[in-house]
Amino acid sequence: MTLWLFVLAAAVLASEAFLRLPLMDQIRRVTATAGKSGRVLKSKRISDHWKERVLPAYSWIIGKGSVTFFVMLCVALLPVALLGVVYPGGFAVWGAELLRPLVILVLCIASIGYIWLRLKVFGG
């Protein structure tokens, strides 16, 4: 019973973090920059000299955005990991429990359900 309470708490905490972090803005920024980069590469009207100057800048933006996105994912999942500190048996037992397929399934369903409730029923 304790495990499932912790799993539900983890789902709610992680879902709140995902909702509050600007993840979609980051994805849009990286995707838009990648699109610009692709258009520059394909364009016959842009000189190779200009391509050599602008593509490293685009690469820097994409790389920085990817690292930022990874850090945001880590921050969003931090509450799930921190529950291992107070879980009976400690962090190692909590980590082992999180790897069970049923726990993963319940965590995903609870997170999706919470996000749906929060956005649709309670209005954001």
N, C-alpha and C. Protein backbone atom coordinates (compact mmCIF):
# COMPACT_ATOMS: atom_id res chain seq x y z
N MET A 1 0.82 -1.19 0.00
CA MET A 1 0.00 0.00 0.00
C MET A 1 0.87 1.26 0.00
N THR A 2 1.95 1.23 0.77
CA THR A 2 2.85 2.38 0.84
C THR A 2 3.46 2.67 -0.53
N LEU A 3 3.82 1.61 -1.24
CA LEU A 3 4.42 1.78 -2.57
C LEU A 3 3.50 2.59 -3.47
N TRP A 4 2.23 2.24 -3.50
CA TRP A 4 1.29 2.89 -4.42
C TRP A 4 1.03 4.34 -4.02
N LEU A 5 1.06 4.64 -2.74
CA LEU A 5 0.94 6.04 -2.31
C LEU A 5 2.14 6.85 -2.79
N PHE A 6 3.31 6.26 -2.68
CA PHE A 6 4.52 6.93 -3.15
C PHE A 6 4.50 7.09 -4.67
N VAL A 7 4.01 6.08 -5.38
CA VAL A 7 3.94 6.15 -6.84
C VAL A 7 2.98 7.27 -7.26
N LEU A 8 1.83 7.35 -6.60
CA LEU A 8 0.87 8.42 -6.92
C LEU A 8 1.45 9.80 -6.58
N ALA A 9 2.14 9.90 -5.46
CA ALA A 9 2.79 11.17 -5.10
C ALA A 9 3.85 11.54 -6.14
N ALA A 10 4.62 10.55 -6.58
CA ALA A 10 5.64 10.80 -7.59
C ALA A 10 5.00 11.26 -8.89
N ALA A 11 3.88 10.65 -9.27
CA ALA A 11 3.19 11.04 -10.50
C ALA A 11 2.71 12.48 -10.43
N VAL A 12 2.13 12.85 -9.31
CA VAL A 12 1.62 14.22 -9.15
C VAL A 12 2.77 15.23 -9.15
N LEU A 13 3.82 14.94 -8.40
CA LEU A 13 4.95 15.88 -8.32
C LEU A 13 5.64 16.06 -9.67
N ALA A 14 5.88 14.95 -10.36
CA ALA A 14 6.53 15.04 -11.67
C ALA A 14 5.62 15.74 -12.68
N SER A 15 4.34 15.45 -12.64
CA SER A 15 3.40 16.10 -13.56
C SER A 15 3.35 17.60 -13.34
N GLU A 16 3.32 18.02 -12.10
CA GLU A 16 3.33 19.46 -11.80
C GLU A 16 4.61 20.11 -12.32
N ALA A 17 5.73 19.43 -12.13
CA ALA A 17 6.99 19.98 -12.63
C ALA A 17 6.97 20.10 -14.15
N PHE A 18 6.46 19.06 -14.83
CA PHE A 18 6.37 19.11 -16.28
C PHE A 18 5.46 20.24 -16.75
N LEU A 19 4.36 20.45 -16.05
CA LEU A 19 3.42 21.50 -16.44
C LEU A 19 4.00 22.90 -16.21
N ARG A 20 4.83 23.05 -15.21
CA ARG A 20 5.34 24.38 -14.86
C ARG A 20 6.62 24.77 -15.60
N LEU A 21 7.37 23.78 -16.07
CA LEU A 21 8.61 24.09 -16.79
C LEU A 21 8.30 24.44 -18.25
N PRO A 22 9.10 25.31 -18.85
CA PRO A 22 8.85 25.72 -20.25
C PRO A 22 9.39 24.70 -21.26
N LEU A 23 8.99 23.45 -21.13
CA LEU A 23 9.50 22.39 -22.00
C LEU A 23 9.09 22.60 -23.46
N MET A 24 7.83 22.92 -23.69
CA MET A 24 7.35 23.08 -25.07
C MET A 24 8.00 24.28 -25.75
N ASP A 25 8.23 25.34 -25.01
CA ASP A 25 8.92 26.50 -25.59
C ASP A 25 10.32 26.11 -26.05
N GLN A 26 10.98 25.31 -25.25
CA GLN A 26 12.33 24.87 -25.59
C GLN A 26 12.31 23.98 -26.83
N ILE A 27 11.34 23.07 -26.89
CA ILE A 27 11.23 22.19 -28.06
C ILE A 27 10.95 23.01 -29.32
N ARG A 28 10.04 23.97 -29.22
CA ARG A 28 9.72 24.82 -30.38
C ARG A 28 10.95 25.61 -30.85
N ARG A 29 11.71 26.14 -29.90
CA ARG A 29 12.89 26.93 -30.25
C ARG A 29 13.93 26.08 -30.98
N VAL A 30 14.18 24.89 -30.47
CA VAL A 30 15.16 24.00 -31.10
C VAL A 30 14.66 23.54 -32.47
N THR A 31 13.38 23.20 -32.55
CA THR A 31 12.80 22.75 -33.82
C THR A 31 12.84 23.86 -34.87
N ALA A 32 12.50 25.07 -34.48
CA ALA A 32 12.53 26.20 -35.42
C ALA A 32 13.95 26.47 -35.91
N THR A 33 14.91 26.39 -35.02
CA THR A 33 16.30 26.62 -35.41
C THR A 33 16.79 25.52 -36.33
N ALA A 34 16.41 24.28 -36.05
CA ALA A 34 16.79 23.17 -36.93
C ALA A 34 16.16 23.35 -38.31
N GLY A 35 14.93 23.83 -38.35
CA GLY A 35 14.28 24.09 -39.64
C GLY A 35 15.00 25.18 -40.42
N LYS A 36 15.38 26.25 -39.73
CA LYS A 36 16.13 27.33 -40.39
C LYS A 36 17.45 26.81 -40.93
N SER A 37 18.10 25.98 -40.14
CA SER A 37 19.38 25.41 -40.55
C SER A 37 19.22 24.57 -41.81
N GLY A 38 18.18 23.76 -41.84
CA GLY A 38 17.92 22.94 -43.02
C GLY A 38 17.62 23.78 -44.25
N ARG A 39 16.86 24.85 -44.09
CA ARG A 39 16.55 25.72 -45.23
C ARG A 39 17.81 26.43 -45.74
N VAL A 40 18.68 26.82 -44.83
CA VAL A 40 19.93 27.46 -45.25
C VAL A 40 20.78 26.48 -46.04
N LEU A 41 20.87 25.25 -45.57
CA LEU A 41 21.67 24.25 -46.27
C LEU A 41 21.14 23.97 -47.67
N LYS A 42 19.83 23.89 -47.82
CA LYS A 42 19.22 23.55 -49.11
C LYS A 42 19.20 24.71 -50.10
N SER A 43 19.31 25.92 -49.62
CA SER A 43 19.17 27.09 -50.48
C SER A 43 20.36 27.25 -51.41
N LYS A 44 20.04 27.43 -52.69
CA LYS A 44 21.07 27.69 -53.70
C LYS A 44 21.40 29.19 -53.74
N ARG A 45 20.53 30.01 -53.17
CA ARG A 45 20.70 31.47 -53.23
C ARG A 45 21.62 31.99 -52.13
N ILE A 46 21.96 31.15 -51.17
CA ILE A 46 22.83 31.58 -50.06
C ILE A 46 24.24 31.08 -50.35
N SER A 47 25.20 31.96 -50.25
CA SER A 47 26.59 31.60 -50.57
C SER A 47 27.16 30.65 -49.52
N ASP A 48 28.16 29.89 -49.94
CA ASP A 48 28.82 28.97 -49.01
C ASP A 48 29.49 29.73 -47.87
N HIS A 49 29.99 30.91 -48.17
CA HIS A 49 30.62 31.73 -47.13
C HIS A 49 29.61 32.05 -46.03
N TRP A 50 28.41 32.46 -46.42
CA TRP A 50 27.39 32.79 -45.43
C TRP A 50 26.96 31.53 -44.67
N LYS A 51 26.84 30.41 -45.38
CA LYS A 51 26.48 29.14 -44.72
C LYS A 51 27.52 28.78 -43.65
N GLU A 52 28.80 28.99 -43.98
CA GLU A 52 29.86 28.68 -43.03
C GLU A 52 29.80 29.58 -41.80
N ARG A 53 29.24 30.74 -41.94
CA ARG A 53 29.14 31.66 -40.80
C ARG A 53 27.89 31.40 -39.96
N VAL A 54 26.77 31.08 -40.61
CA VAL A 54 25.51 30.99 -39.88
C VAL A 54 25.27 29.59 -39.29
N LEU A 55 25.74 28.55 -39.94
CA LEU A 55 25.46 27.19 -39.44
C LEU A 55 26.08 26.91 -38.08
N PRO A 56 27.31 27.36 -37.79
CA PRO A 56 27.81 27.16 -36.42
C PRO A 56 26.96 27.88 -35.36
N ALA A 57 26.43 29.03 -35.71
CA ALA A 57 25.56 29.74 -34.76
C ALA A 57 24.28 28.93 -34.52
N TYR A 58 23.71 28.40 -35.60
CA TYR A 58 22.52 27.56 -35.44
C TYR A 58 22.85 26.30 -34.64
N SER A 59 24.01 25.72 -34.90
CA SER A 59 24.41 24.52 -34.16
C SER A 59 24.54 24.82 -32.67
N TRP A 60 25.10 25.97 -32.35
CA TRP A 60 25.25 26.37 -30.95
C TRP A 60 23.88 26.51 -30.29
N ILE A 61 22.93 27.13 -30.98
CA ILE A 61 21.58 27.31 -30.43
C ILE A 61 20.92 25.95 -30.21
N ILE A 62 21.05 25.05 -31.19
CA ILE A 62 20.45 23.72 -31.07
C ILE A 62 21.10 22.94 -29.93
N GLY A 63 22.43 22.97 -29.86
CA GLY A 63 23.14 22.25 -28.79
C GLY A 63 22.79 22.78 -27.41
N LYS A 64 22.79 24.10 -27.28
CA LYS A 64 22.43 24.72 -26.00
C LYS A 64 20.99 24.38 -25.62
N GLY A 65 20.10 24.39 -26.60
CA GLY A 65 18.70 24.05 -26.34
C GLY A 65 18.53 22.60 -25.93
N SER A 66 19.30 21.71 -26.54
CA SER A 66 19.22 20.29 -26.18
C SER A 66 19.70 20.05 -24.76
N VAL A 67 20.79 20.69 -24.39
CA VAL A 67 21.30 20.54 -23.02
C VAL A 67 20.31 21.14 -22.02
N THR A 68 19.74 22.29 -22.36
CA THR A 68 18.74 22.92 -21.48
C THR A 68 17.53 22.02 -21.31
N PHE A 69 17.08 21.40 -22.40
CA PHE A 69 15.94 20.49 -22.34
C PHE A 69 16.26 19.30 -21.44
N PHE A 70 17.46 18.74 -21.57
CA PHE A 70 17.87 17.62 -20.72
C PHE A 70 17.87 18.03 -19.25
N VAL A 71 18.39 19.21 -18.95
CA VAL A 71 18.41 19.69 -17.57
C VAL A 71 16.99 19.87 -17.04
N MET A 72 16.10 20.39 -17.88
CA MET A 72 14.71 20.55 -17.44
C MET A 72 14.04 19.21 -17.17
N LEU A 73 14.34 18.21 -17.99
CA LEU A 73 13.80 16.86 -17.74
C LEU A 73 14.32 16.31 -16.42
N CYS A 74 15.59 16.52 -16.15
CA CYS A 74 16.16 16.06 -14.88
C CYS A 74 15.50 16.77 -13.70
N VAL A 75 15.27 18.07 -13.83
CA VAL A 75 14.60 18.83 -12.77
C VAL A 75 13.18 18.33 -12.57
N ALA A 76 12.49 18.03 -13.67
CA ALA A 76 11.11 17.55 -13.56
C ALA A 76 11.03 16.18 -12.89
N LEU A 77 12.05 15.36 -13.09
CA LEU A 77 12.04 14.02 -12.50
C LEU A 77 12.71 13.97 -11.13
N LEU A 78 13.30 15.07 -10.71
CA LEU A 78 13.95 15.12 -9.41
C LEU A 78 13.02 14.78 -8.25
N PRO A 79 11.76 15.25 -8.24
CA PRO A 79 10.87 14.87 -7.13
C PRO A 79 10.65 13.36 -7.02
N VAL A 80 10.63 12.68 -8.16
CA VAL A 80 10.46 11.22 -8.14
C VAL A 80 11.67 10.59 -7.46
N ALA A 81 12.85 11.05 -7.81
CA ALA A 81 14.06 10.50 -7.20
C ALA A 81 14.14 10.84 -5.72
N LEU A 82 13.77 12.06 -5.36
CA LEU A 82 13.88 12.48 -3.96
C LEU A 82 12.92 11.73 -3.04
N LEU A 83 11.85 11.18 -3.59
CA LEU A 83 10.96 10.37 -2.76
C LEU A 83 11.69 9.13 -2.22
N GLY A 84 12.76 8.73 -2.90
CA GLY A 84 13.56 7.60 -2.43
C GLY A 84 14.23 7.87 -1.10
N VAL A 85 14.42 9.13 -0.77
CA VAL A 85 15.05 9.49 0.51
C VAL A 85 14.14 9.11 1.67
N VAL A 86 12.83 9.29 1.49
CA VAL A 86 11.89 9.00 2.58
C VAL A 86 11.17 7.67 2.41
N TYR A 87 11.41 6.97 1.31
CA TYR A 87 10.76 5.68 1.08
C TYR A 87 11.31 4.64 2.06
N PRO A 88 10.43 3.81 2.64
CA PRO A 88 10.91 2.76 3.55
C PRO A 88 11.86 1.81 2.80
N GLY A 89 13.04 1.66 3.30
CA GLY A 89 14.04 0.84 2.65
C GLY A 89 15.08 1.67 1.92
N GLY A 90 14.79 2.93 1.72
CA GLY A 90 15.78 3.83 1.14
C GLY A 90 15.73 3.97 -0.36
N PHE A 91 16.72 4.67 -0.85
CA PHE A 91 16.78 5.03 -2.26
C PHE A 91 16.95 3.81 -3.17
N ALA A 92 17.76 2.85 -2.74
CA ALA A 92 18.01 1.66 -3.57
C ALA A 92 16.73 0.86 -3.77
N VAL A 93 15.95 0.70 -2.71
CA VAL A 93 14.69 -0.04 -2.81
C VAL A 93 13.70 0.73 -3.68
N TRP A 94 13.64 2.05 -3.51
CA TRP A 94 12.75 2.88 -4.32
C TRP A 94 13.12 2.78 -5.80
N GLY A 95 14.40 2.83 -6.09
CA GLY A 95 14.86 2.69 -7.47
C GLY A 95 14.49 1.34 -8.07
N ALA A 96 14.63 0.28 -7.28
CA ALA A 96 14.25 -1.05 -7.75
C ALA A 96 12.74 -1.14 -8.00
N GLU A 97 11.96 -0.54 -7.12
CA GLU A 97 10.50 -0.55 -7.29
C GLU A 97 10.09 0.21 -8.55
N LEU A 98 10.76 1.32 -8.82
CA LEU A 98 10.41 2.12 -10.00
C LEU A 98 10.69 1.40 -11.31
N LEU A 99 11.52 0.39 -11.29
CA LEU A 99 11.85 -0.34 -12.51
C LEU A 99 10.89 -1.49 -12.80
N ARG A 100 9.96 -1.76 -11.90
CA ARG A 100 8.97 -2.81 -12.15
C ARG A 100 7.98 -2.34 -13.21
N PRO A 101 7.64 -3.20 -14.17
CA PRO A 101 6.73 -2.79 -15.25
C PRO A 101 5.38 -2.28 -14.76
N LEU A 102 4.80 -2.92 -13.75
CA LEU A 102 3.50 -2.47 -13.26
C LEU A 102 3.59 -1.08 -12.64
N VAL A 103 4.67 -0.82 -11.93
CA VAL A 103 4.87 0.50 -11.32
C VAL A 103 5.03 1.56 -12.41
N ILE A 104 5.79 1.24 -13.45
CA ILE A 104 5.96 2.18 -14.56
C ILE A 104 4.61 2.47 -15.22
N LEU A 105 3.82 1.42 -15.43
CA LEU A 105 2.50 1.59 -16.04
C LEU A 105 1.59 2.47 -15.17
N VAL A 106 1.55 2.19 -13.88
CA VAL A 106 0.71 2.98 -12.97
C VAL A 106 1.21 4.43 -12.91
N LEU A 107 2.51 4.62 -12.88
CA LEU A 107 3.08 5.97 -12.85
C LEU A 107 2.69 6.75 -14.10
N CYS A 108 2.77 6.12 -15.25
CA CYS A 108 2.40 6.79 -16.51
C CYS A 108 0.91 7.11 -16.55
N ILE A 109 0.07 6.14 -16.19
CA ILE A 109 -1.38 6.36 -16.22
C ILE A 109 -1.77 7.44 -15.22
N ALA A 110 -1.20 7.39 -14.03
CA ALA A 110 -1.52 8.39 -13.01
C ALA A 110 -1.07 9.79 -13.46
N SER A 111 0.09 9.87 -14.09
CA SER A 111 0.58 11.17 -14.57
C SER A 111 -0.31 11.73 -15.67
N ILE A 112 -0.66 10.89 -16.62
CA ILE A 112 -1.53 11.33 -17.72
C ILE A 112 -2.89 11.74 -17.17
N GLY A 113 -3.43 10.94 -16.26
CA GLY A 113 -4.72 11.27 -15.64
C GLY A 113 -4.66 12.57 -14.87
N TYR A 114 -3.60 12.77 -14.12
CA TYR A 114 -3.47 14.01 -13.35
C TYR A 114 -3.37 15.23 -14.27
N ILE A 115 -2.55 15.11 -15.31
CA ILE A 115 -2.40 16.23 -16.24
C ILE A 115 -3.73 16.52 -16.94
N TRP A 116 -4.45 15.48 -17.34
CA TRP A 116 -5.75 15.69 -17.98
C TRP A 116 -6.71 16.39 -17.03
N LEU A 117 -6.78 15.89 -15.79
CA LEU A 117 -7.66 16.53 -14.81
C LEU A 117 -7.29 17.98 -14.59
N ARG A 118 -6.02 18.22 -14.44
CA ARG A 118 -5.56 19.58 -14.14
C ARG A 118 -5.84 20.54 -15.27
N LEU A 119 -5.65 20.07 -16.51
CA LEU A 119 -5.83 20.97 -17.64
C LEU A 119 -7.29 21.10 -18.09
N LYS A 120 -8.00 19.99 -18.11
CA LYS A 120 -9.37 20.00 -18.65
C LYS A 120 -10.43 20.31 -17.59
N VAL A 121 -10.33 19.64 -16.46
CA VAL A 121 -11.37 19.78 -15.45
C VAL A 121 -11.17 21.04 -14.61
N PHE A 122 -9.94 21.26 -14.17
CA PHE A 122 -9.67 22.40 -13.29
C PHE A 122 -9.20 23.63 -14.06
N GLY A 123 -9.11 23.51 -15.36
CA GLY A 123 -8.83 24.68 -16.20
C GLY A 123 -7.43 25.22 -16.17
N GLY A 124 -6.44 24.35 -16.07
CA GLY A 124 -5.08 24.82 -16.25
C GLY A 124 -4.34 25.12 -15.04
